[in-house]
């Protein structure tokens, strides 16, 4: 395996780590907070709404959009690190 292939494999491995972490955060917010822990979170109010309801209706969407921008930033940094930012 040449150096270019090793570089690409290392780049892809780091990309998959980023994806795994960001998708885990989204799963936590959308499924765990929005479905599994909804009753416990509904005891807390956010802007007049129950927190569990907020996560189920809006919170997971907001977090997903934020995660998209975080992913863009991480990938831009990763591209620069590996010289793929041409």
PDB file of N, CA and C in Angstrom:
ATOM      1  N   UNK A   1       0.854  -1.171   0.000  1.00  0.00           N
ATOM      2  CA  UNK A   1       0.000   0.000   0.000  1.00  0.00           C
ATOM      3  C   UNK A   1       0.906   1.241   0.000  1.00  0.00           C
ATOM      4  N   UNK A   2       0.645   2.159  -0.908  1.00  0.00           N
ATOM      5  CA  UNK A   2       1.499   3.344  -0.972  1.00  0.00           C
ATOM      6  C   UNK A   2       1.038   4.405   0.031  1.00  0.00           C
ATOM      7  N   UNK A   3       1.853   5.457   0.142  1.00  0.00           N
ATOM      8  CA  UNK A   3       1.571   6.509   1.124  1.00  0.00           C
ATOM      9  C   UNK A   3       0.265   7.239   0.845  1.00  0.00           C
ATOM     10  N   UNK A   4      -0.071   7.426  -0.438  1.00  0.00           N
ATOM     11  CA  UNK A   4      -1.308   8.111  -0.790  1.00  0.00           C
ATOM     12  C   UNK A   4      -2.536   7.322  -0.328  1.00  0.00           C
ATOM     13  N   UNK A   5      -2.498   6.015  -0.483  1.00  0.00           N
ATOM     14  CA  UNK A   5      -3.618   5.181  -0.039  1.00  0.00           C
ATOM     15  C   UNK A   5      -3.722   5.185   1.479  1.00  0.00           C
ATOM     16  N   UNK A   6      -2.589   5.166   2.183  1.00  0.00           N
ATOM     17  CA  UNK A   6      -2.602   5.223   3.644  1.00  0.00           C
ATOM     18  C   UNK A   6      -3.174   6.553   4.120  1.00  0.00           C
ATOM     19  N   UNK A   7      -2.791   7.617   3.429  1.00  0.00           N
ATOM     20  CA  UNK A   7      -3.305   8.936   3.772  1.00  0.00           C
ATOM     21  C   UNK A   7      -4.824   8.984   3.594  1.00  0.00           C
ATOM     22  N   UNK A   8      -5.304   8.449   2.492  1.00  0.00           N
ATOM     23  CA  UNK A   8      -6.750   8.424   2.242  1.00  0.00           C
ATOM     24  C   UNK A   8      -7.483   7.565   3.262  1.00  0.00           C
ATOM     25  N   UNK A   9      -6.892   6.440   3.653  1.00  0.00           N
ATOM     26  CA  UNK A   9      -7.526   5.586   4.662  1.00  0.00           C
ATOM     27  C   UNK A   9      -7.590   6.280   6.010  1.00  0.00           C
ATOM     28  N   UNK A  10      -6.523   6.978   6.388  1.00  0.00           N
ATOM     29  CA  UNK A  10      -6.517   7.707   7.652  1.00  0.00           C
ATOM     30  C   UNK A  10      -7.553   8.839   7.626  1.00  0.00           C
ATOM     31  N   UNK A  11      -7.640   9.528   6.496  1.00  0.00           N
ATOM     32  CA  UNK A  11      -8.634  10.582   6.308  1.00  0.00           C
ATOM     33  C   UNK A  11     -10.044  10.010   6.459  1.00  0.00           C
ATOM     34  N   UNK A  12     -10.317   8.905   5.798  1.00  0.00           N
ATOM     35  CA  UNK A  12     -11.643   8.292   5.847  1.00  0.00           C
ATOM     36  C   UNK A  12     -11.969   7.793   7.247  1.00  0.00           C
ATOM     37  N   UNK A  13     -10.972   7.246   7.948  1.00  0.00           N
ATOM     38  CA  UNK A  13     -11.183   6.761   9.315  1.00  0.00           C
ATOM     39  C   UNK A  13     -11.579   7.914  10.231  1.00  0.00           C
ATOM     40  N   UNK A  14     -10.872   9.050  10.108  1.00  0.00           N
ATOM     41  CA  UNK A  14     -11.227  10.208  10.931  1.00  0.00           C
ATOM     42  C   UNK A  14     -12.618  10.730  10.567  1.00  0.00           C
ATOM     43  N   UNK A  15     -12.974  10.711   9.292  1.00  0.00           N
ATOM     44  CA  UNK A  15     -14.302  11.122   8.858  1.00  0.00           C
ATOM     45  C   UNK A  15     -15.367  10.229   9.493  1.00  0.00           C
ATOM     46  N   UNK A  16     -15.147   8.937   9.503  1.00  0.00           N
ATOM     47  CA  UNK A  16     -16.118   8.017  10.110  1.00  0.00           C
ATOM     48  C   UNK A  16     -16.238   8.227  11.618  1.00  0.00           C
ATOM     49  N   UNK A  17     -15.144   8.585  12.271  1.00  0.00           N
ATOM     50  CA  UNK A  17     -15.197   8.890  13.701  1.00  0.00           C
ATOM     51  C   UNK A  17     -16.062  10.125  13.927  1.00  0.00           C
ATOM     52  N   UNK A  18     -15.851  11.167  13.120  1.00  0.00           N
ATOM     53  CA  UNK A  18     -16.681  12.369  13.232  1.00  0.00           C
ATOM     54  C   UNK A  18     -18.154  12.037  13.014  1.00  0.00           C
ATOM     55  N   UNK A  19     -18.440  11.272  11.971  1.00  0.00           N
ATOM     56  CA  UNK A  19     -19.826  10.897  11.684  1.00  0.00           C
ATOM     57  C   UNK A  19     -20.441  10.109  12.836  1.00  0.00           C
ATOM     58  N   UNK A  20     -19.695   9.161  13.382  1.00  0.00           N
ATOM     59  CA  UNK A  20     -20.202   8.345  14.489  1.00  0.00           C
ATOM     60  C   UNK A  20     -20.546   9.200  15.698  1.00  0.00           C
ATOM     61  N   UNK A  21     -19.673  10.121  16.035  1.00  0.00           N
ATOM     62  CA  UNK A  21     -19.912  10.983  17.195  1.00  0.00           C
ATOM     63  C   UNK A  21     -21.119  11.879  16.958  1.00  0.00           C
ATOM     64  N   UNK A  22     -21.183  12.527  15.793  1.00  0.00           N
ATOM     65  CA  UNK A  22     -22.282  13.456  15.519  1.00  0.00           C
ATOM     66  C   UNK A  22     -23.624  12.738  15.410  1.00  0.00           C
ATOM     67  N   UNK A  23     -23.641  11.569  14.785  1.00  0.00           N
ATOM     68  CA  UNK A  23     -24.897  10.815  14.702  1.00  0.00           C
ATOM     69  C   UNK A  23     -25.321  10.270  16.066  1.00  0.00           C
ATOM     70  N   UNK A  24     -24.361   9.956  16.913  1.00  0.00           N
ATOM     71  CA  UNK A  24     -24.686   9.523  18.281  1.00  0.00           C
ATOM     72  C   UNK A  24     -25.334  10.655  19.066  1.00  0.00           C
ATOM     73  N   UNK A  25     -24.817  11.864  18.892  1.00  0.00           N
ATOM     74  CA  UNK A  25     -25.417  13.022  19.558  1.00  0.00           C
ATOM     75  C   UNK A  25     -26.848  13.224  19.056  1.00  0.00           C
ATOM     76  N   UNK A  26     -27.038  13.121  17.746  1.00  0.00           N
ATOM     77  CA  UNK A  26     -28.382  13.303  17.201  1.00  0.00           C
ATOM     78  C   UNK A  26     -29.330  12.204  17.692  1.00  0.00           C
ATOM     79  N   UNK A  27     -28.858  10.968  17.761  1.00  0.00           N
ATOM     80  CA  UNK A  27     -29.669   9.877  18.292  1.00  0.00           C
ATOM     81  C   UNK A  27     -30.055  10.148  19.740  1.00  0.00           C
ATOM     82  N   UNK A  28     -29.086  10.608  20.520  1.00  0.00           N
ATOM     83  CA  UNK A  28     -29.353  10.907  21.927  1.00  0.00           C
ATOM     84  C   UNK A  28     -30.441  11.971  22.056  1.00  0.00           C
ATOM     85  N   UNK A  29     -30.312  13.027  21.288  1.00  0.00           N
ATOM     86  CA  UNK A  29     -31.267  14.133  21.389  1.00  0.00           C
ATOM     87  C   UNK A  29     -32.638  13.741  20.835  1.00  0.00           C
ATOM     88  N   UNK A  30     -32.662  13.109  19.665  1.00  0.00           N
ATOM     89  CA  UNK A  30     -33.958  12.842  19.037  1.00  0.00           C
ATOM     90  C   UNK A  30     -34.671  11.633  19.616  1.00  0.00           C
ATOM     91  N   UNK A  31     -33.957  10.535  19.818  1.00  0.00           N
ATOM     92  CA  UNK A  31     -34.627   9.315  20.275  1.00  0.00           C
ATOM     93  C   UNK A  31     -34.680   9.227  21.795  1.00  0.00           C
ATOM     94  N   UNK A  32     -33.537   9.406  22.436  1.00  0.00           N
ATOM     95  CA  UNK A  32     -33.500   9.236  23.895  1.00  0.00           C
ATOM     96  C   UNK A  32     -34.247  10.372  24.591  1.00  0.00           C
ATOM     97  N   UNK A  33     -33.886  11.627  24.256  1.00  0.00           N
ATOM     98  CA  UNK A  33     -34.551  12.756  24.913  1.00  0.00           C
ATOM     99  C   UNK A  33     -35.981  12.943  24.414  1.00  0.00           C
ATOM    100  N   UNK A  34     -36.205  12.759  23.124  1.00  0.00           N
ATOM    101  CA  UNK A  34     -37.523  13.024  22.543  1.00  0.00           C
ATOM    102  C   UNK A  34     -38.523  11.908  22.730  1.00  0.00           C
ATOM    103  N   UNK A  35     -38.064  10.674  23.006  1.00  0.00           N
ATOM    104  CA  UNK A  35     -38.996   9.548  23.125  1.00  0.00           C
ATOM    105  C   UNK A  35     -38.848   8.822  24.465  1.00  0.00           C
ATOM    106  N   UNK A  36     -37.650   8.335  24.754  1.00  0.00           N
ATOM    107  CA  UNK A  36     -37.463   7.495  25.939  1.00  0.00           C
ATOM    108  C   UNK A  36     -37.555   8.276  27.252  1.00  0.00           C
ATOM    109  N   UNK A  37     -36.986   9.462  27.296  1.00  0.00           N
ATOM    110  CA  UNK A  37     -36.972  10.240  28.536  1.00  0.00           C
ATOM    111  C   UNK A  37     -37.984  11.384  28.533  1.00  0.00           C
ATOM    112  N   UNK A  38     -38.959  11.306  27.655  1.00  0.00           N
ATOM    113  CA  UNK A  38     -39.906  12.410  27.508  1.00  0.00           C
ATOM    114  C   UNK A  38     -40.666  12.687  28.803  1.00  0.00           C
ATOM    115  N   UNK A  39     -41.065  11.676  29.518  1.00  0.00           N
ATOM    116  CA  UNK A  39     -41.830  11.893  30.754  1.00  0.00           C
ATOM    117  C   UNK A  39     -40.985  12.586  31.822  1.00  0.00           C
ATOM    118  N   UNK A  40     -39.737  12.169  31.957  1.00  0.00           N
ATOM    119  CA  UNK A  40     -38.858  12.800  32.940  1.00  0.00           C
ATOM    120  C   UNK A  40     -38.545  14.243  32.551  1.00  0.00           C
ATOM    121  N   UNK A  41     -38.312  14.475  31.257  1.00  0.00           N
ATOM    122  CA  UNK A  41     -37.988  15.828  30.800  1.00  0.00           C
ATOM    123  C   UNK A  41     -39.198  16.753  30.823  1.00  0.00           C
ATOM    124  N   UNK A  42     -40.397  16.201  30.762  1.00  0.00           N
ATOM    125  CA  UNK A  42     -41.599  17.036  30.784  1.00  0.00           C
ATOM    126  C   UNK A  42     -41.810  17.716  32.133  1.00  0.00           C
ATOM    127  N   UNK A  43     -41.062  17.320  33.148  1.00  0.00           N
ATOM    128  CA  UNK A  43     -41.158  18.001  34.444  1.00  0.00           C
ATOM    129  C   UNK A  43     -40.428  19.341  34.418  1.00  0.00           C
ATOM    130  N   UNK A  44     -39.620  19.572  33.383  1.00  0.00           N
ATOM    131  CA  UNK A  44     -38.880  20.825  33.214  1.00  0.00           C
ATOM    132  C   UNK A  44     -39.562  21.632  32.112  1.00  0.00           C
ATOM    133  N   UNK A  45     -39.660  22.932  32.319  1.00  0.00           N
ATOM    134  CA  UNK A  45     -40.297  23.794  31.320  1.00  0.00           C
ATOM    135  C   UNK A  45     -39.247  24.662  30.636  1.00  0.00           C
ATOM    136  N   UNK A  46     -39.427  24.848  29.314  1.00  0.00           N
ATOM    137  CA  UNK A  46     -38.538  25.693  28.514  1.00  0.00           C
ATOM    138  C   UNK A  46     -39.409  26.631  27.685  1.00  0.00           C
ATOM    139  N   UNK A  47     -39.397  27.900  28.007  1.00  0.00           N
ATOM    140  CA  UNK A  47     -40.213  28.868  27.276  1.00  0.00           C
ATOM    141  C   UNK A  47     -41.702  28.579  27.363  1.00  0.00           C
ATOM    142  N   UNK A  48     -42.148  28.023  28.466  1.00  0.00           N
ATOM    143  CA  UNK A  48     -43.556  27.711  28.637  1.00  0.00           C
ATOM    144  C   UNK A  48     -43.951  26.338  28.143  1.00  0.00           C
ATOM    145  N   UNK A  49     -43.048  25.640  27.483  1.00  0.00           N
ATOM    146  CA  UNK A  49     -43.334  24.291  26.980  1.00  0.00           C
ATOM    147  C   UNK A  49     -42.581  23.252  27.796  1.00  0.00           C
ATOM    148  N   UNK A  50     -43.146  22.069  27.863  1.00  0.00           N
ATOM    149  CA  UNK A  50     -42.456  20.977  28.544  1.00  0.00           C
ATOM    150  C   UNK A  50     -41.221  20.590  27.734  1.00  0.00           C
ATOM    151  N   UNK A  51     -40.108  20.342  28.426  1.00  0.00           N
ATOM    152  CA  UNK A  51     -38.838  20.099  27.752  1.00  0.00           C
ATOM    153  C   UNK A  51     -38.881  18.844  26.885  1.00  0.00           C
ATOM    154  N   UNK A  52     -39.537  17.788  27.331  1.00  0.00           N
ATOM    155  CA  UNK A  52     -39.656  16.573  26.526  1.00  0.00           C
ATOM    156  C   UNK A  52     -40.404  16.827  25.231  1.00  0.00           C
ATOM    157  N   UNK A  53     -41.485  17.585  25.337  1.00  0.00           N
ATOM    158  CA  UNK A  53     -42.247  17.965  24.142  1.00  0.00           C
ATOM    159  C   UNK A  53     -41.388  18.801  23.205  1.00  0.00           C
ATOM    160  N   UNK A  54     -40.630  19.751  23.774  1.00  0.00           N
ATOM    161  CA  UNK A  54     -39.766  20.614  22.958  1.00  0.00           C
ATOM    162  C   UNK A  54     -38.729  19.793  22.203  1.00  0.00           C
ATOM    163  N   UNK A  55     -38.065  18.831  22.881  1.00  0.00           N
ATOM    164  CA  UNK A  55     -37.087  17.989  22.196  1.00  0.00           C
ATOM    165  C   UNK A  55     -37.739  17.178  21.086  1.00  0.00           C
ATOM    166  N   UNK A  56     -38.918  16.661  21.342  1.00  0.00           N
ATOM    167  CA  UNK A  56     -39.591  15.834  20.337  1.00  0.00           C
ATOM    168  C   UNK A  56     -40.025  16.661  19.134  1.00  0.00           C
ATOM    169  N   UNK A  57     -40.455  17.897  19.349  1.00  0.00           N
ATOM    170  CA  UNK A  57     -41.012  18.700  18.268  1.00  0.00           C
ATOM    171  C   UNK A  57     -39.998  19.605  17.578  1.00  0.00           C
ATOM    172  N   UNK A  58     -39.102  20.216  18.354  1.00  0.00           N
ATOM    173  CA  UNK A  58     -38.192  21.193  17.763  1.00  0.00           C
ATOM    174  C   UNK A  58     -36.732  20.934  18.078  1.00  0.00           C
ATOM    175  N   UNK A  59     -36.457  20.475  19.256  1.00  0.00           N
ATOM    176  CA  UNK A  59     -35.073  20.344  19.708  1.00  0.00           C
ATOM    177  C   UNK A  59     -34.212  19.467  18.828  1.00  0.00           C
ATOM    178  N   UNK A  60     -34.747  18.338  18.416  1.00  0.00           N
ATOM    179  CA  UNK A  60     -33.950  17.431  17.588  1.00  0.00           C
ATOM    180  C   UNK A  60     -33.675  18.039  16.215  1.00  0.00           C
ATOM    181  N   UNK A  61     -34.592  18.842  15.700  1.00  0.00           N
ATOM    182  CA  UNK A  61     -34.369  19.502  14.408  1.00  0.00           C
ATOM    183  C   UNK A  61     -33.293  20.573  14.547  1.00  0.00           C
ATOM    184  N   UNK A  62     -33.361  21.378  15.612  1.00  0.00           N
ATOM    185  CA  UNK A  62     -32.338  22.396  15.846  1.00  0.00           C
ATOM    186  C   UNK A  62     -30.962  21.757  16.008  1.00  0.00           C
ATOM    187  N   UNK A  63     -30.910  20.697  16.794  1.00  0.00           N
ATOM    188  CA  UNK A  63     -29.627  20.018  17.008  1.00  0.00           C
ATOM    189  C   UNK A  63     -29.108  19.446  15.701  1.00  0.00           C
ATOM    190  N   UNK A  64     -29.979  18.893  14.875  1.00  0.00           N
ATOM    191  CA  UNK A  64     -29.543  18.342  13.596  1.00  0.00           C
ATOM    192  C   UNK A  64     -28.938  19.431  12.711  1.00  0.00           C
ATOM    193  N   UNK A  65     -29.570  20.581  12.641  1.00  0.00           N
ATOM    194  CA  UNK A  65     -29.041  21.687  11.828  1.00  0.00           C
ATOM    195  C   UNK A  65     -27.692  22.155  12.381  1.00  0.00           C
ATOM    196  N   UNK A  66     -27.583  22.268  13.692  1.00  0.00           N
ATOM    197  CA  UNK A  66     -26.307  22.650  14.308  1.00  0.00           C
ATOM    198  C   UNK A  66     -25.230  21.614  13.986  1.00  0.00           C
ATOM    199  N   UNK A  67     -25.591  20.330  14.052  1.00  0.00           N
ATOM    200  CA  UNK A  67     -24.627  19.270  13.757  1.00  0.00           C
ATOM    201  C   UNK A  67     -24.161  19.315  12.304  1.00  0.00           C
ATOM    202  N   UNK A  68     -25.015  19.749  11.401  1.00  0.00           N
ATOM    203  CA  UNK A  68     -24.603  19.902  10.002  1.00  0.00           C
ATOM    204  C   UNK A  68     -23.488  20.934   9.903  1.00  0.00           C
ATOM    205  N   UNK A  69     -23.657  22.071  10.569  1.00  0.00           N
ATOM    206  CA  UNK A  69     -22.625  23.106  10.537  1.00  0.00           C
ATOM    207  C   UNK A  69     -21.350  22.663  11.260  1.00  0.00           C
ATOM    208  N   UNK A  70     -21.492  21.917  12.334  1.00  0.00           N
ATOM    209  CA  UNK A  70     -20.313  21.376  13.024  1.00  0.00           C
ATOM    210  C   UNK A  70     -19.573  20.414  12.096  1.00  0.00           C
ATOM    211  N   UNK A  71     -20.304  19.576  11.391  1.00  0.00           N
ATOM    212  CA  UNK A  71     -19.688  18.631  10.453  1.00  0.00           C
ATOM    213  C   UNK A  71     -18.952  19.373   9.336  1.00  0.00           C
ATOM    214  N   UNK A  72     -19.561  20.424   8.813  1.00  0.00           N
ATOM    215  CA  UNK A  72     -18.907  21.215   7.768  1.00  0.00           C
ATOM    216  C   UNK A  72     -17.592  21.782   8.289  1.00  0.00           C
ATOM    217  N   UNK A  73     -17.618  22.325   9.482  1.00  0.00           N
ATOM    218  CA  UNK A  73     -16.398  22.898  10.066  1.00  0.00           C
ATOM    219  C   UNK A  73     -15.333  21.831  10.293  1.00  0.00           C
ATOM    220  N   UNK A  74     -15.742  20.690  10.838  1.00  0.00           N
ATOM    221  CA  UNK A  74     -14.792  19.599  11.071  1.00  0.00           C
ATOM    222  C   UNK A  74     -14.193  19.097   9.766  1.00  0.00           C
ATOM    223  N   UNK A  75     -15.022  18.960   8.741  1.00  0.00           N
ATOM    224  CA  UNK A  75     -14.525  18.453   7.457  1.00  0.00           C
ATOM    225  C   UNK A  75     -13.625  19.465   6.766  1.00  0.00           C
ATOM    226  N   UNK A  76     -13.918  20.736   6.875  1.00  0.00           N
ATOM    227  CA  UNK A  76     -13.027  21.744   6.309  1.00  0.00           C
ATOM    228  C   UNK A  76     -11.662  21.682   6.987  1.00  0.00           C
ATOM    229  N   UNK A  77     -11.658  21.525   8.299  1.00  0.00           N
ATOM    230  CA  UNK A  77     -10.409  21.407   9.042  1.00  0.00           C
ATOM    231  C   UNK A  77      -9.673  20.126   8.651  1.00  0.00           C
ATOM    232  N   UNK A  78     -10.412  19.041   8.504  1.00  0.00           N
ATOM    233  CA  UNK A  78      -9.802  17.765   8.121  1.00  0.00           C
ATOM    234  C   UNK A  78      -9.240  17.831   6.704  1.00  0.00           C
ATOM    235  N   UNK A  79      -9.962  18.469   5.799  1.00  0.00           N
ATOM    236  CA  UNK A  79      -9.474  18.638   4.430  1.00  0.00           C
ATOM    237  C   UNK A  79      -8.161  19.414   4.404  1.00  0.00           C
ATOM    238  N   UNK A  80      -8.074  20.474   5.194  1.00  0.00           N
ATOM    239  CA  UNK A  80      -6.833  21.249   5.263  1.00  0.00           C
ATOM    240  C   UNK A  80      -5.702  20.413   5.851  1.00  0.00           C
ATOM    241  N   UNK A  81      -6.011  19.642   6.891  1.00  0.00           N
ATOM    242  CA  UNK A  81      -5.003  18.823   7.542  1.00  0.00           C
ATOM    243  C   UNK A  81      -4.386  17.809   6.581  1.00  0.00           C
ATOM    244  N   UNK A  82      -5.210  17.252   5.703  1.00  0.00           N
ATOM    245  CA  UNK A  82      -4.731  16.217   4.786  1.00  0.00           C
ATOM    246  C   UNK A  82      -4.425  16.739   3.386  1.00  0.00           C
ATOM    247  N   UNK A  83      -4.562  18.035   3.181  1.00  0.00           N
ATOM    248  CA  UNK A  83      -4.223  18.634   1.899  1.00  0.00           C
ATOM    249  C   UNK A  83      -5.246  18.389   0.799  1.00  0.00           C
ATOM    250  N   UNK A  84      -6.520  18.161   1.175  1.00  0.00           N
ATOM    251  CA  UNK A  84      -7.583  17.932   0.191  1.00  0.00           C
ATOM    252  C   UNK A  84      -8.456  19.172   0.009  1.00  0.00           C
ATOM    253  N   UNK A  85      -7.938  20.342   0.363  1.00  0.00           N
ATOM    254  CA  UNK A  85      -8.744  21.556   0.327  1.00  0.00           C
ATOM    255  C   UNK A  85      -8.543  22.377  -0.941  1.00  0.00           C
ATOM    256  N   UNK A  86      -8.153  21.757  -2.005  1.00  0.00           N
ATOM    257  CA  UNK A  86      -7.895  22.480  -3.268  1.00  0.00           C
ATOM    258  C   UNK A  86      -9.153  23.022  -3.865  1.00  0.00           C
TER     259      UNK A  86
END
